[in-house]
Amino acid sequence: ITMFFYAFALWRADQFSTPMQVTLFIGGAIVYLAVFNSTKTMLTNQD
């Protein structure tokens, strides 16, 4: 799902200006890290 979303974002990026691409990239990285950390926390709490 993540790779599909990433590929979709890259495909959409062609329609955006450079500042918008940078903003989306940074925002996407923050969201990805947040989801990764929350998932890791949930898996840890299950133990």
PDB file of N, CA and C in Angstrom:
ATOM      1  N   ILE A   1       0.847  -1.198   0.000  1.00  0.00           N
ATOM      2  CA  ILE A   1       0.000   0.000   0.000  1.00  0.00           C
ATOM      3  C   ILE A   1       0.884   1.250   0.000  1.00  0.00           C
ATOM      4  N   THR A   2       1.961   1.227   0.787  1.00  0.00           N
ATOM      5  CA  THR A   2       2.844   2.389   0.881  1.00  0.00           C
ATOM      6  C   THR A   2       3.507   2.676  -0.467  1.00  0.00           C
ATOM      7  N   MET A   3       3.984   1.636  -1.144  1.00  0.00           N
ATOM      8  CA  MET A   3       4.645   1.829  -2.434  1.00  0.00           C
ATOM      9  C   MET A   3       3.640   2.340  -3.472  1.00  0.00           C
ATOM     10  N   PHE A   4       2.402   1.849  -3.399  1.00  0.00           N
ATOM     11  CA  PHE A   4       1.361   2.317  -4.316  1.00  0.00           C
ATOM     12  C   PHE A   4       1.079   3.796  -4.087  1.00  0.00           C
ATOM     13  N   PHE A   5       0.989   4.174  -2.815  1.00  0.00           N
ATOM     14  CA  PHE A   5       0.753   5.573  -2.470  1.00  0.00           C
ATOM     15  C   PHE A   5       1.919   6.439  -2.918  1.00  0.00           C
ATOM     16  N   TYR A   6       3.132   5.925  -2.747  1.00  0.00           N
ATOM     17  CA  TYR A   6       4.334   6.665  -3.134  1.00  0.00           C
ATOM     18  C   TYR A   6       4.379   6.851  -4.653  1.00  0.00           C
ATOM     19  N   ALA A   7       4.064   5.780  -5.382  1.00  0.00           N
ATOM     20  CA  ALA A   7       4.057   5.863  -6.845  1.00  0.00           C
ATOM     21  C   ALA A   7       2.970   6.829  -7.314  1.00  0.00           C
ATOM     22  N   PHE A   8       1.818   6.792  -6.662  1.00  0.00           N
ATOM     23  CA  PHE A   8       0.724   7.704  -7.001  1.00  0.00           C
ATOM     24  C   PHE A   8       1.127   9.147  -6.732  1.00  0.00           C
ATOM     25  N   ALA A   9       1.837   9.367  -5.614  1.00  0.00           N
ATOM     26  CA  ALA A   9       2.298  10.712  -5.259  1.00  0.00           C
ATOM     27  C   ALA A   9       3.300  11.218  -6.300  1.00  0.00           C
ATOM     28  N   LEU A  10       4.209  10.335  -6.739  1.00  0.00           N
ATOM     29  CA  LEU A  10       5.187  10.727  -7.755  1.00  0.00           C
ATOM     30  C   LEU A  10       4.486  11.067  -9.070  1.00  0.00           C
ATOM     31  N   TRP A  11       3.448  10.281  -9.405  1.00  0.00           N
ATOM     32  CA  TRP A  11       2.701  10.529 -10.632  1.00  0.00           C
ATOM     33  C   TRP A  11       1.982  11.875 -10.553  1.00  0.00           C
ATOM     34  N   ARG A  12       1.409  12.180  -9.395  1.00  0.00           N
ATOM     35  CA  ARG A  12       0.707  13.444  -9.202  1.00  0.00           C
ATOM     36  C   ARG A  12       1.681  14.612  -9.139  1.00  0.00           C
ATOM     37  N   ALA A  13       2.909  14.356  -8.701  1.00  0.00           N
ATOM     38  CA  ALA A  13       3.894  15.425  -8.496  1.00  0.00           C
ATOM     39  C   ALA A  13       4.196  16.157  -9.804  1.00  0.00           C
ATOM     40  N   ASP A  14       4.020  15.471 -10.934  1.00  0.00           N
ATOM     41  CA  ASP A  14       4.297  16.105 -12.223  1.00  0.00           C
ATOM     42  C   ASP A  14       3.367  17.289 -12.481  1.00  0.00           C
ATOM     43  N   GLN A  15       2.226  17.310 -11.787  1.00  0.00           N
ATOM     44  CA  GLN A  15       1.246  18.366 -12.012  1.00  0.00           C
ATOM     45  C   GLN A  15       1.435  19.521 -11.029  1.00  0.00           C
ATOM     46  N   PHE A  16       2.389  19.404 -10.113  1.00  0.00           N
ATOM     47  CA  PHE A  16       2.603  20.425  -9.095  1.00  0.00           C
ATOM     48  C   PHE A  16       3.888  21.193  -9.359  1.00  0.00           C
ATOM     49  N   SER A  17       3.978  22.385  -8.784  1.00  0.00           N
ATOM     50  CA  SER A  17       5.207  23.165  -8.876  1.00  0.00           C
ATOM     51  C   SER A  17       6.236  22.596  -7.906  1.00  0.00           C
ATOM     52  N   THR A  18       7.485  23.028  -8.022  1.00  0.00           N
ATOM     53  CA  THR A  18       8.550  22.479  -7.181  1.00  0.00           C
ATOM     54  C   THR A  18       8.306  22.703  -5.688  1.00  0.00           C
ATOM     55  N   PRO A  19       7.934  23.911  -5.233  1.00  0.00           N
ATOM     56  CA  PRO A  19       7.681  24.107  -3.792  1.00  0.00           C
ATOM     57  C   PRO A  19       6.594  23.176  -3.277  1.00  0.00           C
ATOM     58  N   MET A  20       5.571  22.937  -4.104  1.00  0.00           N
ATOM     59  CA  MET A  20       4.483  22.052  -3.696  1.00  0.00           C
ATOM     60  C   MET A  20       4.996  20.625  -3.574  1.00  0.00           C
ATOM     61  N   GLN A  21       5.888  20.218  -4.486  1.00  0.00           N
ATOM     62  CA  GLN A  21       6.457  18.871  -4.413  1.00  0.00           C
ATOM     63  C   GLN A  21       7.245  18.696  -3.126  1.00  0.00           C
ATOM     64  N   VAL A  22       8.042  19.709  -2.772  1.00  0.00           N
ATOM     65  CA  VAL A  22       8.843  19.638  -1.544  1.00  0.00           C
ATOM     66  C   VAL A  22       7.933  19.556  -0.328  1.00  0.00           C
ATOM     67  N   THR A  23       6.863  20.359  -0.330  1.00  0.00           N
ATOM     68  CA  THR A  23       5.925  20.356   0.797  1.00  0.00           C
ATOM     69  C   THR A  23       5.263  18.991   0.942  1.00  0.00           C
ATOM     70  N   LEU A  24       4.824  18.419  -0.178  1.00  0.00           N
ATOM     71  CA  LEU A  24       4.182  17.107  -0.146  1.00  0.00           C
ATOM     72  C   LEU A  24       5.161  16.035   0.312  1.00  0.00           C
ATOM     73  N   PHE A  25       6.415  16.143  -0.140  1.00  0.00           N
ATOM     74  CA  PHE A  25       7.421  15.146   0.228  1.00  0.00           C
ATOM     75  C   PHE A  25       7.688  15.181   1.725  1.00  0.00           C
ATOM     76  N   ILE A  26       7.862  16.397   2.277  1.00  0.00           N
ATOM     77  CA  ILE A  26       8.123  16.537   3.716  1.00  0.00           C
ATOM     78  C   ILE A  26       6.906  16.067   4.512  1.00  0.00           C
ATOM     79  N   GLY A  27       5.721  16.479   4.073  1.00  0.00           N
ATOM     80  CA  GLY A  27       4.494  16.073   4.765  1.00  0.00           C
ATOM     81  C   GLY A  27       4.319  14.558   4.722  1.00  0.00           C
ATOM     82  N   GLY A  28       4.599  13.965   3.569  1.00  0.00           N
ATOM     83  CA  GLY A  28       4.473  12.520   3.431  1.00  0.00           C
ATOM     84  C   GLY A  28       5.456  11.786   4.324  1.00  0.00           C
ATOM     85  N   ALA A  29       6.671  12.320   4.445  1.00  0.00           N
ATOM     86  CA  ALA A  29       7.682  11.696   5.298  1.00  0.00           C
ATOM     87  C   ALA A  29       7.253  11.749   6.757  1.00  0.00           C
ATOM     88  N   ILE A  30       6.681  12.882   7.176  1.00  0.00           N
ATOM     89  CA  ILE A  30       6.229  13.026   8.564  1.00  0.00           C
ATOM     90  C   ILE A  30       5.090  12.054   8.852  1.00  0.00           C
ATOM     91  N   VAL A  31       4.135  11.965   7.922  1.00  0.00           N
ATOM     92  CA  VAL A  31       3.008  11.044   8.100  1.00  0.00           C
ATOM     93  C   VAL A  31       3.504   9.606   8.154  1.00  0.00           C
ATOM     94  N   TYR A  32       4.458   9.262   7.264  1.00  0.00           N
ATOM     95  CA  TYR A  32       4.995   7.902   7.223  1.00  0.00           C
ATOM     96  C   TYR A  32       5.668   7.549   8.542  1.00  0.00           C
ATOM     97  N   LEU A  33       6.469   8.469   9.081  1.00  0.00           N
ATOM     98  CA  LEU A  33       7.151   8.223  10.353  1.00  0.00           C
ATOM     99  C   LEU A  33       6.141   8.103  11.486  1.00  0.00           C
ATOM    100  N   ALA A  34       5.103   8.932  11.459  1.00  0.00           N
ATOM    101  CA  ALA A  34       4.088   8.900  12.514  1.00  0.00           C
ATOM    102  C   ALA A  34       3.349   7.563  12.504  1.00  0.00           C
ATOM    103  N   VAL A  35       2.974   7.102  11.312  1.00  0.00           N
ATOM    104  CA  VAL A  35       2.276   5.815  11.200  1.00  0.00           C
ATOM    105  C   VAL A  35       3.196   4.679  11.621  1.00  0.00           C
ATOM    106  N   PHE A  36       4.462   4.748  11.211  1.00  0.00           N
ATOM    107  CA  PHE A  36       5.424   3.705  11.557  1.00  0.00           C
ATOM    108  C   PHE A  36       5.609   3.632  13.072  1.00  0.00           C
ATOM    109  N   ASN A  37       5.747   4.784  13.727  1.00  0.00           N
ATOM    110  CA  ASN A  37       5.948   4.811  15.174  1.00  0.00           C
ATOM    111  C   ASN A  37       4.707   4.314  15.907  1.00  0.00           C
ATOM    112  N   SER A  38       3.514   4.713  15.461  1.00  0.00           N
ATOM    113  CA  SER A  38       2.283   4.292  16.121  1.00  0.00           C
ATOM    114  C   SER A  38       2.081   2.792  15.955  1.00  0.00           C
ATOM    115  N   THR A  39       2.423   2.272  14.771  1.00  0.00           N
ATOM    116  CA  THR A  39       2.294   0.835  14.532  1.00  0.00           C
ATOM    117  C   THR A  39       3.269   0.062  15.411  1.00  0.00           C
ATOM    118  N   LYS A  40       4.493   0.555  15.511  1.00  0.00           N
ATOM    119  CA  LYS A  40       5.502  -0.108  16.338  1.00  0.00           C
ATOM    120  C   LYS A  40       5.071  -0.089  17.804  1.00  0.00           C
ATOM    121  N   THR A  41       4.462   1.012  18.224  1.00  0.00           N
ATOM    122  CA  THR A  41       3.994   1.120  19.611  1.00  0.00           C
ATOM    123  C   THR A  41       2.865   0.128  19.865  1.00  0.00           C
ATOM    124  N   MET A  42       1.933   0.003  18.918  1.00  0.00           N
ATOM    125  CA  MET A  42       0.832  -0.935  19.079  1.00  0.00           C
ATOM    126  C   MET A  42       1.359  -2.357  19.171  1.00  0.00           C
ATOM    127  N   LEU A  43       2.310  -2.712  18.317  1.00  0.00           N
ATOM    128  CA  LEU A  43       2.864  -4.062  18.342  1.00  0.00           C
ATOM    129  C   LEU A  43       3.580  -4.319  19.664  1.00  0.00           C
ATOM    130  N   THR A  44       4.247  -3.301  20.196  1.00  0.00           N
ATOM    131  CA  THR A  44       4.958  -3.461  21.468  1.00  0.00           C
ATOM    132  C   THR A  44       3.971  -3.624  22.608  1.00  0.00           C
ATOM    133  N   ASN A  45       2.877  -2.876  22.568  1.00  0.00           N
ATOM    134  CA  ASN A  45       1.898  -2.938  23.650  1.00  0.00           C
ATOM    135  C   ASN A  45       1.153  -4.266  23.644  1.00  0.00           C
ATOM    136  N   GLN A  46       1.047  -4.908  22.499  1.00  0.00           N
ATOM    137  CA  GLN A  46       0.350  -6.187  22.432  1.00  0.00           C
ATOM    138  C   GLN A  46       1.111  -7.246  23.217  1.00  0.00           C
ATOM    139  N   ASP A  47       2.419  -7.119  23.267  1.00  0.00           N
ATOM    140  CA  ASP A  47       3.214  -8.076  24.038  1.00  0.00           C
ATOM    141  C   ASP A  47       2.978  -7.797  25.514  1.00  0.00           C
TER     142      ASP A  47
END
